[in-house]
N, C-alpha and C. Protein backbone atom coordinates (compact mmCIF):
# COMPACT_ATOMS: atom_id res chain seq x y z
N MET A 1 91.97 -24.84 -34.50
CA MET A 1 90.70 -24.38 -35.18
C MET A 1 90.03 -25.68 -35.74
N ASP A 2 88.82 -25.54 -35.69
CA ASP A 2 88.04 -26.57 -36.35
C ASP A 2 88.26 -26.80 -37.85
N LEU A 3 88.39 -28.26 -38.17
CA LEU A 3 88.61 -28.69 -39.62
C LEU A 3 87.73 -27.74 -40.44
N TYR A 4 86.51 -28.01 -40.21
CA TYR A 4 85.45 -27.16 -41.21
C TYR A 4 85.81 -25.83 -41.39
N ALA A 5 86.02 -25.09 -40.28
CA ALA A 5 86.23 -23.52 -40.22
C ALA A 5 87.60 -23.18 -41.18
N GLU A 6 88.40 -24.32 -40.86
CA GLU A 6 89.85 -24.09 -41.71
C GLU A 6 89.55 -24.61 -43.15
N ASN A 7 88.57 -25.22 -43.68
CA ASN A 7 88.34 -25.60 -44.92
C ASN A 7 87.61 -24.17 -45.58
N ILE A 8 86.88 -23.41 -44.71
CA ILE A 8 86.15 -22.24 -45.03
C ILE A 8 87.31 -21.26 -45.45
N LEU A 9 88.35 -21.13 -44.48
CA LEU A 9 89.49 -20.17 -44.68
C LEU A 9 90.19 -20.50 -45.72
N GLU A 10 90.70 -21.65 -46.10
CA GLU A 10 91.15 -22.06 -47.24
C GLU A 10 90.55 -21.87 -48.51
N HIS A 11 89.15 -21.99 -48.54
CA HIS A 11 88.60 -21.53 -50.14
C HIS A 11 88.43 -20.18 -50.06
N TYR A 12 88.34 -19.20 -49.01
CA TYR A 12 88.46 -17.81 -49.12
C TYR A 12 89.81 -17.49 -49.47
N ARG A 13 90.85 -17.80 -48.91
CA ARG A 13 92.22 -17.52 -49.27
C ARG A 13 92.76 -18.01 -50.78
N HIS A 14 92.23 -19.19 -51.06
CA HIS A 14 92.39 -19.71 -52.41
C HIS A 14 91.38 -20.43 -53.14
N PRO A 15 90.49 -19.44 -53.53
CA PRO A 15 89.30 -19.69 -54.17
C PRO A 15 89.29 -20.53 -55.31
N HIS A 16 88.42 -21.57 -55.61
CA HIS A 16 88.36 -22.12 -56.79
C HIS A 16 87.56 -21.37 -57.84
N TYR A 17 87.86 -21.55 -59.19
CA TYR A 17 86.99 -21.07 -60.09
C TYR A 17 86.92 -19.31 -60.27
N LYS A 18 87.64 -18.86 -59.18
CA LYS A 18 87.62 -17.02 -59.19
C LYS A 18 88.33 -16.93 -60.31
N LYS A 19 87.47 -16.67 -61.57
CA LYS A 19 88.39 -16.20 -62.69
C LYS A 19 87.10 -15.86 -63.77
N GLU A 20 87.55 -15.25 -64.87
CA GLU A 20 86.70 -14.99 -66.11
C GLU A 20 86.70 -16.20 -67.06
N ILE A 21 85.86 -16.57 -67.57
CA ILE A 21 85.79 -17.63 -68.63
C ILE A 21 85.54 -17.08 -69.83
N GLU A 22 86.03 -17.87 -70.97
CA GLU A 22 85.93 -17.52 -72.18
C GLU A 22 84.36 -17.88 -72.75
N ASN A 23 84.09 -16.86 -73.28
CA ASN A 23 82.50 -17.11 -74.09
C ASN A 23 81.61 -17.70 -73.34
N PRO A 24 81.08 -17.05 -72.15
CA PRO A 24 80.36 -17.67 -71.18
C PRO A 24 78.74 -17.61 -71.98
N ASN A 25 77.87 -18.35 -71.75
CA ASN A 25 76.53 -18.61 -72.30
C ASN A 25 75.83 -17.31 -71.44
N ILE A 26 76.16 -17.01 -69.94
CA ILE A 26 75.36 -16.18 -69.45
C ILE A 26 76.16 -15.72 -68.20
N GLU A 27 76.09 -14.61 -67.85
CA GLU A 27 76.27 -13.81 -66.64
C GLU A 27 75.26 -13.21 -65.77
N HIS A 28 75.69 -13.27 -64.47
CA HIS A 28 74.62 -12.81 -63.61
C HIS A 28 75.24 -12.30 -62.30
N GLU A 29 74.89 -11.18 -61.75
CA GLU A 29 75.34 -10.50 -60.49
C GLU A 29 74.30 -10.60 -59.42
N GLU A 30 74.48 -10.82 -58.21
CA GLU A 30 73.70 -10.82 -57.14
C GLU A 30 74.18 -10.08 -55.63
N ILE A 31 73.53 -9.20 -54.97
CA ILE A 31 74.14 -8.58 -53.73
C ILE A 31 73.17 -8.98 -52.55
N ASN A 32 73.87 -9.04 -51.76
CA ASN A 32 73.25 -9.37 -50.28
C ASN A 32 73.29 -7.95 -49.71
N HIS A 33 72.09 -7.38 -49.83
CA HIS A 33 71.93 -5.95 -49.32
C HIS A 33 72.20 -5.80 -47.79
N ALA A 34 71.94 -7.02 -47.19
CA ALA A 34 71.85 -6.86 -45.84
C ALA A 34 73.45 -6.70 -45.24
N CYS A 35 74.48 -6.76 -46.06
CA CYS A 35 75.96 -6.78 -45.49
C CYS A 35 76.84 -6.20 -46.84
N GLY A 36 76.37 -6.23 -48.01
CA GLY A 36 77.10 -5.77 -49.29
C GLY A 36 77.93 -6.60 -49.96
N ASP A 37 77.80 -8.13 -49.68
CA ASP A 37 78.54 -9.20 -50.15
C ASP A 37 78.15 -9.09 -51.68
N VAL A 38 78.94 -9.40 -52.72
CA VAL A 38 78.47 -9.55 -53.80
C VAL A 38 79.11 -10.50 -54.52
N LEU A 39 78.38 -11.22 -55.54
CA LEU A 39 78.90 -12.31 -56.27
C LEU A 39 78.36 -12.13 -57.84
N SER A 40 79.34 -12.40 -58.50
CA SER A 40 79.05 -12.29 -60.16
C SER A 40 79.31 -13.67 -60.49
N VAL A 41 78.46 -14.34 -61.34
CA VAL A 41 78.81 -15.70 -61.95
C VAL A 41 78.82 -15.77 -63.37
N GLN A 42 79.70 -16.42 -64.08
CA GLN A 42 79.66 -16.63 -65.37
C GLN A 42 79.47 -18.20 -65.62
N ILE A 43 78.59 -18.67 -66.66
CA ILE A 43 78.54 -20.10 -66.94
C ILE A 43 78.52 -20.30 -68.34
N LYS A 44 79.25 -21.52 -68.75
CA LYS A 44 79.15 -21.88 -70.03
C LYS A 44 78.49 -23.32 -69.93
N PHE A 45 77.48 -23.57 -70.86
CA PHE A 45 76.90 -24.82 -70.85
C PHE A 45 76.99 -25.52 -71.92
N LYS A 46 76.83 -26.95 -71.79
CA LYS A 46 77.13 -27.87 -73.06
C LYS A 46 76.08 -29.04 -72.80
N ASP A 47 75.27 -29.34 -73.84
CA ASP A 47 74.21 -30.53 -73.52
C ASP A 47 73.56 -30.39 -72.11
N GLY A 48 73.02 -29.24 -71.79
CA GLY A 48 72.43 -28.96 -70.74
C GLY A 48 72.88 -29.15 -69.35
N LYS A 49 74.27 -29.25 -69.24
CA LYS A 49 75.16 -29.39 -68.10
C LYS A 49 75.94 -28.21 -68.16
N ILE A 50 76.46 -27.87 -66.94
CA ILE A 50 77.49 -26.88 -66.71
C ILE A 50 78.88 -27.35 -67.09
N GLU A 51 79.48 -26.91 -68.24
CA GLU A 51 80.76 -27.05 -68.78
C GLU A 51 81.82 -26.47 -67.99
N SER A 52 81.74 -25.22 -67.64
CA SER A 52 82.63 -24.36 -66.98
C SER A 52 81.95 -23.09 -66.16
N ILE A 53 82.59 -22.72 -64.98
CA ILE A 53 82.02 -21.65 -64.32
C ILE A 53 83.32 -20.64 -63.91
N GLY A 54 82.92 -19.56 -64.07
CA GLY A 54 83.89 -18.49 -63.36
C GLY A 54 83.03 -17.46 -62.40
N TRP A 55 83.86 -16.93 -61.51
CA TRP A 55 82.87 -16.03 -60.57
C TRP A 55 83.91 -15.05 -60.15
N ASP A 56 83.44 -13.82 -59.53
CA ASP A 56 84.22 -12.77 -58.85
C ASP A 56 83.46 -12.31 -58.03
N GLY A 57 83.91 -11.91 -56.74
CA GLY A 57 83.08 -11.17 -55.85
C GLY A 57 83.95 -10.69 -54.70
N THR A 58 83.09 -10.14 -53.78
CA THR A 58 83.68 -9.48 -52.57
C THR A 58 82.85 -9.80 -51.47
N GLY A 59 83.20 -9.91 -50.32
CA GLY A 59 82.52 -10.15 -48.98
C GLY A 59 83.22 -10.85 -48.00
N CYS A 60 82.46 -11.38 -47.05
CA CYS A 60 82.89 -12.13 -45.83
C CYS A 60 83.63 -13.66 -46.39
N ALA A 61 84.23 -14.26 -45.39
CA ALA A 61 84.75 -15.47 -45.81
C ALA A 61 83.68 -16.54 -46.21
N ILE A 62 82.38 -16.38 -45.48
CA ILE A 62 81.31 -17.32 -45.71
C ILE A 62 80.85 -17.19 -47.08
N SER A 63 80.64 -16.16 -47.57
CA SER A 63 80.00 -15.85 -48.82
C SER A 63 80.88 -16.41 -50.07
N GLN A 64 82.47 -15.87 -49.82
CA GLN A 64 83.19 -16.23 -50.54
C GLN A 64 83.74 -17.62 -50.97
N ALA A 65 83.63 -18.29 -49.62
CA ALA A 65 84.10 -19.61 -49.66
C ALA A 65 83.00 -20.48 -50.08
N GLY A 66 81.62 -20.05 -49.78
CA GLY A 66 80.50 -20.72 -50.38
C GLY A 66 80.61 -20.82 -51.87
N MET A 67 80.85 -19.50 -52.45
CA MET A 67 80.89 -20.06 -53.82
C MET A 67 82.09 -20.76 -54.47
N SER A 68 83.11 -20.74 -53.83
CA SER A 68 84.14 -21.58 -54.29
C SER A 68 83.64 -23.04 -53.97
N ILE A 69 83.19 -23.39 -52.92
CA ILE A 69 82.79 -24.82 -52.52
C ILE A 69 81.81 -25.34 -53.69
N LEU A 70 80.73 -24.33 -53.83
CA LEU A 70 79.60 -24.70 -54.71
C LEU A 70 80.13 -24.79 -56.36
N SER A 71 81.26 -23.99 -56.42
CA SER A 71 81.56 -24.34 -57.77
C SER A 71 82.26 -25.63 -58.12
N ASP A 72 82.95 -26.13 -56.95
CA ASP A 72 83.35 -27.46 -57.12
C ASP A 72 82.32 -28.56 -57.40
N GLU A 73 81.08 -28.26 -56.98
CA GLU A 73 80.08 -29.30 -57.25
C GLU A 73 79.34 -29.11 -58.49
N LEU A 74 79.47 -27.98 -59.08
CA LEU A 74 78.63 -27.53 -59.96
C LEU A 74 78.95 -28.06 -61.59
N ILE A 75 80.11 -28.25 -61.84
CA ILE A 75 80.70 -28.58 -62.95
C ILE A 75 80.21 -30.17 -63.34
N GLY A 76 79.51 -30.23 -64.51
CA GLY A 76 78.85 -31.30 -65.00
C GLY A 76 77.48 -31.67 -64.49
N MET A 77 76.98 -30.66 -63.65
CA MET A 77 75.51 -30.90 -63.23
C MET A 77 74.63 -30.23 -64.27
N LYS A 78 73.32 -31.05 -64.37
CA LYS A 78 72.33 -30.51 -65.37
C LYS A 78 71.71 -29.41 -64.50
N THR A 79 71.28 -28.59 -65.33
CA THR A 79 70.75 -27.34 -64.84
C THR A 79 69.45 -27.53 -64.03
N GLU A 80 68.73 -28.55 -64.31
CA GLU A 80 67.40 -28.81 -63.47
C GLU A 80 68.04 -29.41 -62.08
N ASP A 81 69.04 -29.91 -62.01
CA ASP A 81 69.72 -30.64 -60.72
C ASP A 81 69.90 -29.40 -59.83
N VAL A 82 70.69 -28.28 -60.54
CA VAL A 82 71.13 -27.29 -59.58
C VAL A 82 69.94 -26.29 -59.29
N LEU A 83 68.97 -26.36 -60.13
CA LEU A 83 67.44 -25.59 -59.67
C LEU A 83 67.06 -26.27 -58.31
N GLU A 84 67.30 -27.53 -58.19
CA GLU A 84 66.75 -28.36 -57.13
C GLU A 84 67.52 -28.35 -55.82
N LEU A 85 68.52 -27.62 -55.87
CA LEU A 85 69.25 -27.45 -54.69
C LEU A 85 68.84 -26.68 -53.46
N LYS A 86 68.85 -27.24 -52.31
CA LYS A 86 68.26 -26.41 -51.23
C LYS A 86 69.26 -25.86 -50.41
N LYS A 87 68.68 -24.89 -49.54
CA LYS A 87 69.75 -24.37 -48.38
C LYS A 87 70.31 -25.64 -47.67
N LYS A 88 69.89 -26.87 -47.20
CA LYS A 88 70.60 -27.59 -46.30
C LYS A 88 71.76 -28.22 -47.43
N ASP A 89 71.71 -28.13 -48.54
CA ASP A 89 72.77 -28.84 -49.27
C ASP A 89 74.06 -27.79 -49.29
N ILE A 90 73.83 -26.58 -49.19
CA ILE A 90 74.83 -25.68 -49.16
C ILE A 90 75.42 -25.53 -47.81
N TYR A 91 74.62 -25.79 -46.66
CA TYR A 91 74.98 -25.99 -45.38
C TYR A 91 75.97 -27.10 -45.29
N ILE A 92 75.45 -28.30 -45.63
CA ILE A 92 76.19 -29.34 -45.68
C ILE A 92 77.56 -29.33 -46.27
N MET A 93 77.72 -28.64 -47.57
CA MET A 93 78.93 -28.30 -48.26
C MET A 93 79.85 -27.51 -47.44
N LEU A 94 79.28 -26.42 -46.68
CA LEU A 94 80.09 -25.57 -45.88
C LEU A 94 80.61 -26.22 -44.74
N GLY A 95 79.83 -27.12 -44.19
CA GLY A 95 80.34 -27.87 -43.12
C GLY A 95 80.49 -26.92 -41.69
N VAL A 96 79.84 -26.03 -41.66
CA VAL A 96 80.07 -25.21 -40.25
C VAL A 96 78.58 -24.63 -39.96
N PRO A 97 78.48 -24.42 -38.68
CA PRO A 97 77.03 -24.04 -38.35
C PRO A 97 76.80 -22.66 -38.78
N ILE A 98 75.52 -22.34 -39.30
CA ILE A 98 75.37 -21.05 -39.87
C ILE A 98 74.32 -20.57 -38.95
N GLY A 99 74.62 -19.32 -38.40
CA GLY A 99 73.60 -18.48 -37.45
C GLY A 99 72.81 -17.63 -38.34
N PRO A 100 71.66 -17.19 -37.78
CA PRO A 100 70.51 -16.42 -38.36
C PRO A 100 71.38 -15.01 -38.87
N ARG A 101 72.36 -14.68 -38.35
CA ARG A 101 72.98 -13.44 -38.90
C ARG A 101 73.75 -13.56 -40.32
N ARG A 102 74.00 -14.81 -40.35
CA ARG A 102 75.11 -15.18 -41.77
C ARG A 102 74.36 -16.20 -42.84
N TYR A 103 73.05 -16.44 -42.69
CA TYR A 103 72.31 -17.39 -43.67
C TYR A 103 72.50 -16.83 -44.82
N LYS A 104 72.15 -15.40 -45.14
CA LYS A 104 72.31 -14.84 -46.26
C LYS A 104 73.68 -14.97 -46.92
N CYS A 105 74.71 -14.62 -46.07
CA CYS A 105 76.10 -14.88 -46.62
C CYS A 105 76.30 -16.30 -47.14
N ALA A 106 75.97 -17.27 -46.30
CA ALA A 106 76.16 -18.51 -46.78
C ALA A 106 75.42 -19.00 -48.02
N LEU A 107 74.13 -18.33 -48.14
CA LEU A 107 73.39 -18.74 -49.44
C LEU A 107 73.30 -18.04 -50.61
N LEU A 108 74.21 -16.83 -50.43
CA LEU A 108 74.26 -16.10 -51.67
C LEU A 108 74.91 -16.87 -52.92
N CYS A 109 75.74 -17.61 -52.78
CA CYS A 109 76.26 -18.48 -53.74
C CYS A 109 75.05 -19.41 -54.51
N LEU A 110 74.32 -19.67 -53.78
CA LEU A 110 73.19 -20.55 -54.11
C LEU A 110 72.00 -19.55 -54.99
N HIS A 111 71.83 -18.49 -54.40
CA HIS A 111 71.10 -17.49 -54.78
C HIS A 111 71.42 -17.05 -56.14
N THR A 112 72.91 -16.70 -56.26
CA THR A 112 73.45 -16.46 -57.65
C THR A 112 73.19 -17.29 -58.81
N VAL A 113 73.49 -18.66 -58.58
CA VAL A 113 73.71 -19.56 -59.50
C VAL A 113 72.46 -19.96 -59.87
N LYS A 114 71.71 -19.91 -59.01
CA LYS A 114 70.00 -20.33 -59.61
C LYS A 114 69.64 -19.02 -60.50
N ASN A 115 69.98 -17.88 -60.00
CA ASN A 115 69.19 -16.84 -60.72
C ASN A 115 69.88 -16.62 -62.01
N THR A 116 71.11 -17.06 -62.23
CA THR A 116 71.99 -17.26 -63.38
C THR A 116 71.09 -18.29 -64.19
N ILE A 117 70.92 -19.32 -63.92
CA ILE A 117 70.43 -20.49 -64.50
C ILE A 117 68.88 -19.92 -65.17
N ARG A 118 68.03 -19.36 -64.12
CA ARG A 118 66.81 -19.12 -64.49
C ARG A 118 66.83 -17.71 -65.61
N LYS A 119 67.85 -17.03 -65.35
CA LYS A 119 67.92 -15.92 -66.62
C LYS A 119 68.13 -16.41 -67.74
N ILE A 120 68.83 -17.48 -67.92
CA ILE A 120 69.18 -18.01 -69.29
C ILE A 120 67.82 -18.89 -69.80
N GLU A 121 67.19 -19.43 -68.79
CA GLU A 121 66.11 -20.20 -69.03
C GLU A 121 64.76 -19.16 -69.42
N GLU A 122 65.00 -17.96 -69.12
CA GLU A 122 64.03 -16.94 -69.47
C GLU A 122 62.89 -17.02 -68.39
N LEU A 123 63.46 -17.40 -67.10
CA LEU A 123 62.41 -17.57 -66.06
C LEU A 123 62.50 -16.24 -65.14
N GLU A 124 61.33 -16.20 -64.38
CA GLU A 124 61.74 -14.92 -63.35
C GLU A 124 62.82 -15.16 -62.23
N PRO A 125 63.62 -14.11 -61.85
CA PRO A 125 64.34 -14.46 -60.85
C PRO A 125 63.79 -15.06 -59.55
N GLN A 126 64.55 -15.91 -58.80
CA GLN A 126 64.02 -16.30 -57.62
C GLN A 126 64.34 -15.46 -56.51
N GLY A 127 63.19 -14.90 -55.67
CA GLY A 127 63.44 -14.03 -54.47
C GLY A 127 64.21 -14.71 -53.40
N TRP A 128 64.76 -13.76 -52.53
CA TRP A 128 65.32 -14.28 -51.22
C TRP A 128 64.44 -15.39 -50.33
N LEU A 129 63.15 -15.13 -50.33
CA LEU A 129 62.09 -15.78 -49.49
C LEU A 129 62.41 -17.04 -50.05
N ASP A 130 62.58 -17.56 -51.41
CA ASP A 130 62.74 -18.71 -51.78
C ASP A 130 63.98 -19.43 -51.47
N THR A 131 65.02 -18.61 -51.79
CA THR A 131 66.46 -19.21 -51.66
C THR A 131 66.64 -19.72 -50.08
N VAL A 132 66.26 -18.65 -49.08
CA VAL A 132 66.35 -19.15 -47.84
C VAL A 132 65.13 -19.98 -47.20
N GLU A 133 64.19 -20.21 -48.05
CA GLU A 133 63.14 -21.38 -47.79
C GLU A 133 62.42 -20.87 -46.63
N ILE A 134 61.99 -19.57 -46.65
CA ILE A 134 60.98 -19.04 -45.53
C ILE A 134 59.68 -18.37 -46.36
N GLU A 135 58.83 -19.09 -45.84
CA GLU A 135 57.38 -18.71 -46.34
C GLU A 135 57.05 -17.38 -45.84
N ASP A 136 56.43 -16.56 -47.09
CA ASP A 136 56.03 -15.17 -46.59
C ASP A 136 54.47 -15.48 -46.15
N ASP A 137 54.15 -15.42 -44.82
CA ASP A 137 52.82 -15.47 -44.72
C ASP A 137 52.32 -14.23 -44.01
N SER A 138 52.91 -13.13 -44.61
CA SER A 138 52.16 -11.97 -44.03
C SER A 138 51.22 -11.47 -44.87
N ILE A 139 51.14 -12.33 -45.94
CA ILE A 139 50.08 -12.03 -46.84
C ILE A 139 48.91 -13.16 -46.87
N ASP A 140 47.65 -12.57 -46.51
CA ASP A 140 46.58 -13.58 -46.32
C ASP A 140 45.99 -13.87 -47.56
N ASN A 141 45.98 -15.19 -47.84
CA ASN A 141 45.08 -15.56 -49.26
C ASN A 141 43.61 -15.98 -49.25
């Protein structure tokens, strides 16, 4: 088996930070309606940085491992740096090719974390088109 695929399975079987945290500043849940995967995130901030994170969820190995892998990266990050993360950053972290049927699974972690931060900063939630970085050109300007 491919080393990166094994890493995904390891994070799926033994996820990091999959727990409740005490006194989170914010919590938020997102659902991938295409397949039913769910992620719920709790974050505690200190001095504009993520001090601790906890999460729970159900779904495929990609969505659950993605949240585990992303959680490892988030501790100590400034909120503005988290909001600057792109889909390519998640794809690099995952280390496996992501096909068109699985991109929402892979990006559910990013979508959930960004919207958790946007919620505490009293910003509108980010839509899926922004998360997956697809422009909606169906509307003429």
